[in-house]
Amino acid sequence: MHKILILAPPSLAHKLEEILRHRYDVRTEIRDDSKAICEIQARITRNWVTICRFAPDENLEDILMMFKVNLELKKR
Protein backbone atom coordinates (compact mmCIF):
# COMPACT_ATOMS: atom_id res chain seq x y z
CA MET A 1 0.00 0.00 0.00
CA HIS A 2 1.46 3.36 -1.06
CA LYS A 3 1.87 6.11 1.50
CA ILE A 4 0.34 9.39 0.34
CA LEU A 5 0.81 12.88 1.80
CA ILE A 6 -1.77 15.56 0.97
CA LEU A 7 -0.74 19.20 1.46
CA ALA A 8 -3.86 21.35 1.06
CA PRO A 9 -6.37 23.63 2.82
CA PRO A 10 -8.62 21.83 5.35
CA SER A 11 -11.78 21.35 3.29
CA LEU A 12 -9.96 20.05 0.20
CA ALA A 13 -7.56 17.90 2.23
CA HIS A 14 -10.45 16.16 3.98
CA LYS A 15 -12.30 15.50 0.72
CA LEU A 16 -9.21 14.00 -0.89
CA GLU A 17 -8.46 11.94 2.20
CA GLU A 18 -11.98 10.47 2.21
CA ILE A 19 -11.64 9.40 -1.42
CA LEU A 20 -8.04 8.12 -1.36
CA ARG A 21 -7.90 6.42 2.05
CA HIS A 22 -9.57 3.25 0.76
CA ARG A 23 -6.61 2.48 -1.56
CA TYR A 24 -3.69 4.31 0.06
CA ASP A 25 -2.18 4.99 3.48
CA VAL A 26 -3.05 8.71 3.65
CA ARG A 27 -1.58 11.48 5.80
CA THR A 28 -2.64 15.10 5.55
CA GLU A 29 -0.83 18.31 6.28
CA ILE A 30 -3.08 21.34 6.48
CA ARG A 31 -2.01 24.54 4.73
CA ASP A 32 -3.94 27.53 6.03
CA ASP A 33 -3.10 29.88 3.18
CA SER A 34 -5.94 29.60 0.67
CA LYS A 35 -3.68 30.79 -2.16
CA ALA A 36 -0.91 28.26 -1.51
CA ILE A 37 -0.05 25.66 -4.10
CA CYS A 38 -1.33 22.26 -3.01
CA GLU A 39 0.50 18.97 -3.51
CA ILE A 40 0.03 15.25 -3.30
CA GLN A 41 3.22 13.33 -2.57
CA ALA A 42 3.82 9.58 -2.52
CA ARG A 43 6.52 7.49 -0.92
CA ILE A 44 8.33 5.72 -3.74
CA THR A 45 11.53 3.79 -3.01
CA ARG A 46 12.03 5.39 0.41
CA ASN A 47 11.74 8.95 -0.93
CA TRP A 48 8.81 11.36 -0.94
CA VAL A 49 8.08 12.28 -4.56
CA THR A 50 5.68 15.02 -5.63
CA ILE A 51 3.01 13.37 -7.74
CA CYS A 52 0.96 16.44 -8.61
CA ARG A 53 0.55 20.11 -7.79
CA PHE A 54 -2.72 21.97 -8.10
CA ALA A 55 -4.60 25.10 -7.09
CA PRO A 56 -6.96 24.93 -4.09
CA ASP A 57 -9.94 25.88 -6.28
CA GLU A 58 -9.33 23.23 -8.96
CA ASN A 59 -12.02 20.66 -9.75
CA LEU A 60 -11.80 17.57 -7.51
CA GLU A 61 -12.26 15.13 -10.41
CA ASP A 62 -9.40 16.79 -12.32
CA ILE A 63 -7.13 16.51 -9.28
CA LEU A 64 -7.88 12.82 -8.88
CA MET A 65 -7.32 12.07 -12.57
CA MET A 66 -4.02 13.96 -12.56
CA PHE A 67 -2.97 12.09 -9.40
CA LYS A 68 -3.76 8.65 -10.81
CA VAL A 69 -2.03 9.25 -14.14
CA ASN A 70 1.08 10.82 -12.60
CA LEU A 71 1.37 8.09 -9.94
CA GLU A 72 1.46 5.42 -12.63
CA LEU A 73 4.13 7.36 -14.54
CA LYS A 74 6.29 7.91 -11.45
CA LYS A 75 6.15 4.24 -10.41
CA ARG A 76 7.85 3.17 -13.64
PDB file of N, CA and C in Angstrom:
ATOM      1  N   MET A   1       0.845  -1.178   0.000  1.00  0.00           N
ATOM      2  CA  MET A   1       0.000   0.000   0.000  1.00  0.00           C
ATOM      3  C   MET A   1       0.894   1.246   0.000  1.00  0.00           C
ATOM      4  N   HIS A   2       0.677   2.134  -0.963  1.00  0.00           N
ATOM      5  CA  HIS A   2       1.461   3.362  -1.058  1.00  0.00           C
ATOM      6  C   HIS A   2       1.096   4.323   0.064  1.00  0.00           C
ATOM      7  N   LYS A   3       2.101   5.049   0.538  1.00  0.00           N
ATOM      8  CA  LYS A   3       1.869   6.113   1.498  1.00  0.00           C
ATOM      9  C   LYS A   3       1.725   7.408   0.719  1.00  0.00           C
ATOM     10  N   ILE A   4       0.671   8.155   1.036  1.00  0.00           N
ATOM     11  CA  ILE A   4       0.343   9.387   0.338  1.00  0.00           C
ATOM     12  C   ILE A   4       0.313  10.526   1.354  1.00  0.00           C
ATOM     13  N   LEU A   5       0.856  11.676   0.978  1.00  0.00           N
ATOM     14  CA  LEU A   5       0.807  12.883   1.801  1.00  0.00           C
ATOM     15  C   LEU A   5       0.081  13.958   1.016  1.00  0.00           C
ATOM     16  N   ILE A   6      -0.976  14.506   1.609  1.00  0.00           N
ATOM     17  CA  ILE A   6      -1.768  15.556   0.971  1.00  0.00           C
ATOM     18  C   ILE A   6      -1.472  16.869   1.682  1.00  0.00           C
ATOM     19  N   LEU A   7      -1.020  17.861   0.936  1.00  0.00           N
ATOM     20  CA  LEU A   7      -0.741  19.200   1.460  1.00  0.00           C
ATOM     21  C   LEU A   7      -1.751  20.151   0.834  1.00  0.00           C
ATOM     22  N   ALA A   8      -2.771  20.544   1.608  1.00  0.00           N
ATOM     23  CA  ALA A   8      -3.862  21.352   1.055  1.00  0.00           C
ATOM     24  C   ALA A   8      -4.627  22.049   2.181  1.00  0.00           C
ATOM     25  N   PRO A   9      -5.492  23.019   1.824  1.00  0.00           N
ATOM     26  CA  PRO A   9      -6.368  23.635   2.824  1.00  0.00           C
ATOM     27  C   PRO A   9      -7.311  22.591   3.428  1.00  0.00           C
ATOM     28  N   PRO A  10      -7.853  22.854   4.623  1.00  0.00           N
ATOM     29  CA  PRO A  10      -8.621  21.830   5.354  1.00  0.00           C
ATOM     30  C   PRO A  10      -9.765  21.171   4.586  1.00  0.00           C
ATOM     31  N   SER A  11     -10.604  21.945   3.943  1.00  0.00           N
ATOM     32  CA  SER A  11     -11.776  21.346   3.286  1.00  0.00           C
ATOM     33  C   SER A  11     -11.363  20.426   2.128  1.00  0.00           C
ATOM     34  N   LEU A  12     -10.418  20.866   1.324  1.00  0.00           N
ATOM     35  CA  LEU A  12      -9.959  20.055   0.198  1.00  0.00           C
ATOM     36  C   LEU A  12      -9.175  18.839   0.678  1.00  0.00           C
ATOM     37  N   ALA A  13      -8.353  19.017   1.700  1.00  0.00           N
ATOM     38  CA  ALA A  13      -7.565  17.899   2.231  1.00  0.00           C
ATOM     39  C   ALA A  13      -8.472  16.796   2.763  1.00  0.00           C
ATOM     40  N   HIS A  14      -9.541  17.166   3.441  1.00  0.00           N
ATOM     41  CA  HIS A  14     -10.453  16.159   3.984  1.00  0.00           C
ATOM     42  C   HIS A  14     -11.223  15.427   2.888  1.00  0.00           C
ATOM     43  N   LYS A  15     -11.613  16.153   1.847  1.00  0.00           N
ATOM     44  CA  LYS A  15     -12.303  15.505   0.721  1.00  0.00           C
ATOM     45  C   LYS A  15     -11.391  14.492   0.029  1.00  0.00           C
ATOM     46  N   LEU A  16     -10.151  14.908  -0.238  1.00  0.00           N
ATOM     47  CA  LEU A  16      -9.206  14.005  -0.895  1.00  0.00           C
ATOM     48  C   LEU A  16      -8.881  12.804  -0.009  1.00  0.00           C
ATOM     49  N   GLU A  17      -8.746  13.042   1.282  1.00  0.00           N
ATOM     50  CA  GLU A  17      -8.462  11.941   2.201  1.00  0.00           C
ATOM     51  C   GLU A  17      -9.589  10.918   2.213  1.00  0.00           C
ATOM     52  N   GLU A  18     -10.824  11.377   2.224  1.00  0.00           N
ATOM     53  CA  GLU A  18     -11.979  10.469   2.210  1.00  0.00           C
ATOM     54  C   GLU A  18     -11.979   9.586   0.963  1.00  0.00           C
ATOM     55  N   ILE A  19     -11.613  10.152  -0.166  1.00  0.00           N
ATOM     56  CA  ILE A  19     -11.636   9.401  -1.421  1.00  0.00           C
ATOM     57  C   ILE A  19     -10.449   8.442  -1.524  1.00  0.00           C
ATOM     58  N   LEU A  20      -9.261   8.899  -1.136  1.00  0.00           N
ATOM     59  CA  LEU A  20      -8.039   8.124  -1.361  1.00  0.00           C
ATOM     60  C   LEU A  20      -7.711   7.132  -0.247  1.00  0.00           C
ATOM     61  N   ARG A  21      -8.306   7.271   0.924  1.00  0.00           N
ATOM     62  CA  ARG A  21      -7.901   6.423   2.048  1.00  0.00           C
ATOM     63  C   ARG A  21      -8.276   4.962   1.884  1.00  0.00           C
ATOM     64  N   HIS A  22      -9.163   4.647   0.976  1.00  0.00           N
ATOM     65  CA  HIS A  22      -9.565   3.253   0.759  1.00  0.00           C
ATOM     66  C   HIS A  22      -8.499   2.464  -0.006  1.00  0.00           C
ATOM     67  N   ARG A  23      -7.652   3.161  -0.774  1.00  0.00           N
ATOM     68  CA  ARG A  23      -6.609   2.481  -1.562  1.00  0.00           C
ATOM     69  C   ARG A  23      -5.194   2.792  -1.098  1.00  0.00           C
ATOM     70  N   TYR A  24      -5.022   3.868  -0.325  1.00  0.00           N
ATOM     71  CA  TYR A  24      -3.693   4.314   0.062  1.00  0.00           C
ATOM     72  C   TYR A  24      -3.636   4.606   1.560  1.00  0.00           C
ATOM     73  N   ASP A  25      -2.429   4.569   2.104  1.00  0.00           N
ATOM     74  CA  ASP A  25      -2.183   4.991   3.477  1.00  0.00           C
ATOM     75  C   ASP A  25      -1.996   6.507   3.436  1.00  0.00           C
ATOM     76  N   VAL A  26      -2.998   7.269   3.863  1.00  0.00           N
ATOM     77  CA  VAL A  26      -3.046   8.710   3.650  1.00  0.00           C
ATOM     78  C   VAL A  26      -2.697   9.480   4.924  1.00  0.00           C
ATOM     79  N   ARG A  27      -1.843  10.495   4.757  1.00  0.00           N
ATOM     80  CA  ARG A  27      -1.583  11.483   5.799  1.00  0.00           C
ATOM     81  C   ARG A  27      -1.893  12.845   5.203  1.00  0.00           C
ATOM     82  N   THR A  28      -2.349  13.757   6.038  1.00  0.00           N
ATOM     83  CA  THR A  28      -2.641  15.100   5.552  1.00  0.00           C
ATOM     84  C   THR A  28      -1.841  16.120   6.346  1.00  0.00           C
ATOM     85  N   GLU A  29      -1.469  17.167   5.653  1.00  0.00           N
ATOM     86  CA  GLU A  29      -0.827  18.313   6.284  1.00  0.00           C
ATOM     87  C   GLU A  29      -1.621  19.533   5.827  1.00  0.00           C
ATOM     88  N   ILE A  30      -2.202  20.217   6.787  1.00  0.00           N
ATOM     89  CA  ILE A  30      -3.084  21.340   6.477  1.00  0.00           C
ATOM     90  C   ILE A  30      -2.259  22.586   6.180  1.00  0.00           C
ATOM     91  N   ARG A  31      -2.599  23.241   5.085  1.00  0.00           N
ATOM     92  CA  ARG A  31      -2.011  24.538   4.730  1.00  0.00           C
ATOM     93  C   ARG A  31      -3.105  25.579   4.866  1.00  0.00           C
ATOM     94  N   ASP A  32      -2.903  26.542   5.740  1.00  0.00           N
ATOM     95  CA  ASP A  32      -3.936  27.534   6.029  1.00  0.00           C
ATOM     96  C   ASP A  32      -4.076  28.602   4.953  1.00  0.00           C
ATOM     97  N   ASP A  33      -3.036  28.856   4.211  1.00  0.00           N
ATOM     98  CA  ASP A  33      -3.095  29.880   3.179  1.00  0.00           C
ATOM     99  C   ASP A  33      -3.933  29.378   2.008  1.00  0.00           C
ATOM    100  N   SER A  34      -5.038  30.052   1.731  1.00  0.00           N
ATOM    101  CA  SER A  34      -5.944  29.598   0.668  1.00  0.00           C
ATOM    102  C   SER A  34      -5.365  29.793  -0.734  1.00  0.00           C
ATOM    103  N   LYS A  35      -4.285  30.562  -0.857  1.00  0.00           N
ATOM    104  CA  LYS A  35      -3.675  30.794  -2.162  1.00  0.00           C
ATOM    105  C   LYS A  35      -2.421  29.942  -2.371  1.00  0.00           C
ATOM    106  N   ALA A  36      -2.107  29.091  -1.411  1.00  0.00           N
ATOM    107  CA  ALA A  36      -0.907  28.261  -1.510  1.00  0.00           C
ATOM    108  C   ALA A  36      -1.099  27.180  -2.563  1.00  0.00           C
ATOM    109  N   ILE A  37       0.004  26.768  -3.146  1.00  0.00           N
ATOM    110  CA  ILE A  37      -0.045  25.658  -4.101  1.00  0.00           C
ATOM    111  C   ILE A  37      -0.162  24.363  -3.312  1.00  0.00           C
ATOM    112  N   CYS A  38      -1.088  23.524  -3.692  1.00  0.00           N
ATOM    113  CA  CYS A  38      -1.334  22.259  -3.010  1.00  0.00           C
ATOM    114  C   CYS A  38      -0.550  21.157  -3.706  1.00  0.00           C
ATOM    115  N   GLU A  39      -0.263  20.083  -2.949  1.00  0.00           N
ATOM    116  CA  GLU A  39       0.499  18.968  -3.509  1.00  0.00           C
ATOM    117  C   GLU A  39      -0.035  17.648  -2.981  1.00  0.00           C
ATOM    118  N   ILE A  40       0.193  16.618  -3.772  1.00  0.00           N
ATOM    119  CA  ILE A  40       0.030  15.251  -3.302  1.00  0.00           C
ATOM    120  C   ILE A  40       1.369  14.574  -3.540  1.00  0.00           C
ATOM    121  N   GLN A  41       1.938  14.014  -2.473  1.00  0.00           N
ATOM    122  CA  GLN A  41       3.218  13.330  -2.565  1.00  0.00           C
ATOM    123  C   GLN A  41       3.022  11.859  -2.236  1.00  0.00           C
ATOM    124  N   ALA A  42       3.874  11.027  -2.787  1.00  0.00           N
ATOM    125  CA  ALA A  42       3.821   9.584  -2.524  1.00  0.00           C
ATOM    126  C   ALA A  42       5.210   9.103  -2.135  1.00  0.00           C
ATOM    127  N   ARG A  43       5.239   8.083  -1.327  1.00  0.00           N
ATOM    128  CA  ARG A  43       6.515   7.495  -0.918  1.00  0.00           C
ATOM    129  C   ARG A  43       6.871   6.400  -1.919  1.00  0.00           C
ATOM    130  N   ILE A  44       7.884   6.664  -2.725  1.00  0.00           N
ATOM    131  CA  ILE A  44       8.334   5.715  -3.743  1.00  0.00           C
ATOM    132  C   ILE A  44       9.813   5.461  -3.496  1.00  0.00           C
ATOM    133  N   THR A  45      10.153   4.216  -3.304  1.00  0.00           N
ATOM    134  CA  THR A  45      11.529   3.787  -3.014  1.00  0.00           C
ATOM    135  C   THR A  45      12.188   4.641  -1.934  1.00  0.00           C
ATOM    136  N   ARG A  46      11.543   4.714  -0.803  1.00  0.00           N
ATOM    137  CA  ARG A  46      12.025   5.390   0.410  1.00  0.00           C
ATOM    138  C   ARG A  46      12.152   6.899   0.297  1.00  0.00           C
ATOM    139  N   ASN A  47      11.686   7.488  -0.761  1.00  0.00           N
ATOM    140  CA  ASN A  47      11.742   8.945  -0.932  1.00  0.00           C
ATOM    141  C   ASN A  47      10.340   9.486  -1.167  1.00  0.00           C
ATOM    142  N   TRP A  48      10.078  10.690  -0.650  1.00  0.00           N
ATOM    143  CA  TRP A  48       8.813  11.355  -0.938  1.00  0.00           C
ATOM    144  C   TRP A  48       8.954  12.059  -2.276  1.00  0.00           C
ATOM    145  N   VAL A  49       8.071  11.730  -3.207  1.00  0.00           N
ATOM    146  CA  VAL A  49       8.081  12.282  -4.562  1.00  0.00           C
ATOM    147  C   VAL A  49       6.780  13.037  -4.786  1.00  0.00           C
ATOM    148  N   THR A  50       6.878  14.247  -5.310  1.00  0.00           N
ATOM    149  CA  THR A  50       5.680  15.023  -5.626  1.00  0.00           C
ATOM    150  C   THR A  50       5.008  14.406  -6.838  1.00  0.00           C
ATOM    151  N   ILE A  51       3.768  13.994  -6.660  1.00  0.00           N
ATOM    152  CA  ILE A  51       3.006  13.372  -7.736  1.00  0.00           C
ATOM    153  C   ILE A  51       2.289  14.433  -8.558  1.00  0.00           C
ATOM    154  N   CYS A  52       1.636  15.373  -7.878  1.00  0.00           N
ATOM    155  CA  CYS A  52       0.962  16.438  -8.611  1.00  0.00           C
ATOM    156  C   CYS A  52       0.838  17.686  -7.746  1.00  0.00           C
ATOM    157  N   ARG A  53       0.781  18.818  -8.426  1.00  0.00           N
ATOM    158  CA  ARG A  53       0.547  20.114  -7.792  1.00  0.00           C
ATOM    159  C   ARG A  53      -0.696  20.708  -8.429  1.00  0.00           C
ATOM    160  N   PHE A  54      -1.467  21.413  -7.604  1.00  0.00           N
ATOM    161  CA  PHE A  54      -2.721  21.968  -8.102  1.00  0.00           C
ATOM    162  C   PHE A  54      -3.135  23.159  -7.260  1.00  0.00           C
ATOM    163  N   ALA A  55      -4.056  23.956  -7.804  1.00  0.00           N
ATOM    164  CA  ALA A  55      -4.600  25.104  -7.095  1.00  0.00           C
ATOM    165  C   ALA A  55      -5.718  24.639  -6.158  1.00  0.00           C
ATOM    166  N   PRO A  56      -5.921  25.341  -5.039  1.00  0.00           N
ATOM    167  CA  PRO A  56      -6.958  24.927  -4.091  1.00  0.00           C
ATOM    168  C   PRO A  56      -8.379  24.986  -4.663  1.00  0.00           C
ATOM    169  N   ASP A  57      -8.590  25.767  -5.717  1.00  0.00           N
ATOM    170  CA  ASP A  57      -9.935  25.885  -6.284  1.00  0.00           C
ATOM    171  C   ASP A  57     -10.136  25.021  -7.533  1.00  0.00           C
ATOM    172  N   GLU A  58      -9.215  24.112  -7.790  1.00  0.00           N
ATOM    173  CA  GLU A  58      -9.328  23.233  -8.962  1.00  0.00           C
ATOM    174  C   GLU A  58     -10.394  22.155  -8.733  1.00  0.00           C
ATOM    175  N   ASN A  59     -10.964  21.682  -9.804  1.00  0.00           N
ATOM    176  CA  ASN A  59     -12.019  20.664  -9.753  1.00  0.00           C
ATOM    177  C   ASN A  59     -11.472  19.367  -9.137  1.00  0.00           C
ATOM    178  N   LEU A  60     -12.224  18.771  -8.224  1.00  0.00           N
ATOM    179  CA  LEU A  60     -11.796  17.571  -7.512  1.00  0.00           C
ATOM    180  C   LEU A  60     -11.568  16.393  -8.461  1.00  0.00           C
ATOM    181  N   GLU A  61     -12.414  16.225  -9.455  1.00  0.00           N
ATOM    182  CA  GLU A  61     -12.256  15.130 -10.414  1.00  0.00           C
ATOM    183  C   GLU A  61     -10.971  15.293 -11.232  1.00  0.00           C
ATOM    184  N   ASP A  62     -10.635  16.526 -11.583  1.00  0.00           N
ATOM    185  CA  ASP A  62      -9.399  16.788 -12.323  1.00  0.00           C
ATOM    186  C   ASP A  62      -8.166  16.469 -11.476  1.00  0.00           C
ATOM    187  N   ILE A  63      -8.233  16.805 -10.191  1.00  0.00           N
ATOM    188  CA  ILE A  63      -7.125  16.514  -9.275  1.00  0.00           C
ATOM    189  C   ILE A  63      -6.916  15.011  -9.178  1.00  0.00           C
ATOM    190  N   LEU A  64      -7.993  14.271  -9.013  1.00  0.00           N
ATOM    191  CA  LEU A  64      -7.880  12.820  -8.875  1.00  0.00           C
ATOM    192  C   LEU A  64      -7.360  12.161 -10.150  1.00  0.00           C
ATOM    193  N   MET A  65      -7.799  12.624 -11.304  1.00  0.00           N
ATOM    194  CA  MET A  65      -7.323  12.071 -12.571  1.00  0.00           C
ATOM    195  C   MET A  65      -5.831  12.360 -12.745  1.00  0.00           C
ATOM    196  N   MET A  66      -5.425  13.591 -12.459  1.00  0.00           N
ATOM    197  CA  MET A  66      -4.018  13.964 -12.560  1.00  0.00           C
ATOM    198  C   MET A  66      -3.173  13.122 -11.592  1.00  0.00           C
ATOM    199  N   PHE A  67      -3.678  12.905 -10.386  1.00  0.00           N
ATOM    200  CA  PHE A  67      -2.969  12.090  -9.402  1.00  0.00           C
ATOM    201  C   PHE A  67      -2.783  10.660  -9.894  1.00  0.00           C
ATOM    202  N   LYS A  68      -3.840  10.045 -10.377  1.00  0.00           N
ATOM    203  CA  LYS A  68      -3.761   8.646 -10.812  1.00  0.00           C
ATOM    204  C   LYS A  68      -2.810   8.470 -11.992  1.00  0.00           C
ATOM    205  N   VAL A  69      -2.888   9.350 -12.969  1.00  0.00           N
ATOM    206  CA  VAL A  69      -2.026   9.254 -14.143  1.00  0.00           C
ATOM    207  C   VAL A  69      -0.562   9.474 -13.754  1.00  0.00           C
ATOM    208  N   ASN A  70      -0.300  10.515 -12.979  1.00  0.00           N
ATOM    209  CA  ASN A  70       1.076  10.818 -12.599  1.00  0.00           C
ATOM    210  C   ASN A  70       1.671   9.751 -11.682  1.00  0.00           C
ATOM    211  N   LEU A  71       0.867   9.159 -10.820  1.00  0.00           N
ATOM    212  CA  LEU A  71       1.366   8.091  -9.943  1.00  0.00           C
ATOM    213  C   LEU A  71       1.835   6.906 -10.762  1.00  0.00           C
ATOM    214  N   GLU A  72       1.067   6.535 -11.777  1.00  0.00           N
ATOM    215  CA  GLU A  72       1.465   5.423 -12.634  1.00  0.00           C
ATOM    216  C   GLU A  72       2.764   5.739 -13.391  1.00  0.00           C
ATOM    217  N   LEU A  73       2.911   6.965 -13.830  1.00  0.00           N
ATOM    218  CA  LEU A  73       4.127   7.359 -14.538  1.00  0.00           C
ATOM    219  C   LEU A  73       5.334   7.375 -13.608  1.00  0.00           C
ATOM    220  N   LYS A  74       5.163   7.815 -12.393  1.00  0.00           N
ATOM    221  CA  LYS A  74       6.286   7.905 -11.448  1.00  0.00           C
ATOM    222  C   LYS A  74       6.711   6.545 -10.937  1.00  0.00           C
ATOM    223  N   LYS A  75       5.809   5.577 -10.896  1.00  0.00           N
ATOM    224  CA  LYS A  75       6.147   4.242 -10.408  1.00  0.00           C
ATOM    225  C   LYS A  75       7.044   3.496 -11.379  1.00  0.00           C
ATOM    226  N   ARG A  76       7.058   3.872 -12.626  1.00  0.00           N
ATOM    227  CA  ARG A  76       7.852   3.168 -13.639  1.00  0.00           C
ATOM    228  C   ARG A  76       9.288   3.524 -13.588  1.00  0.00           C
TER     229      ARG A  76
END
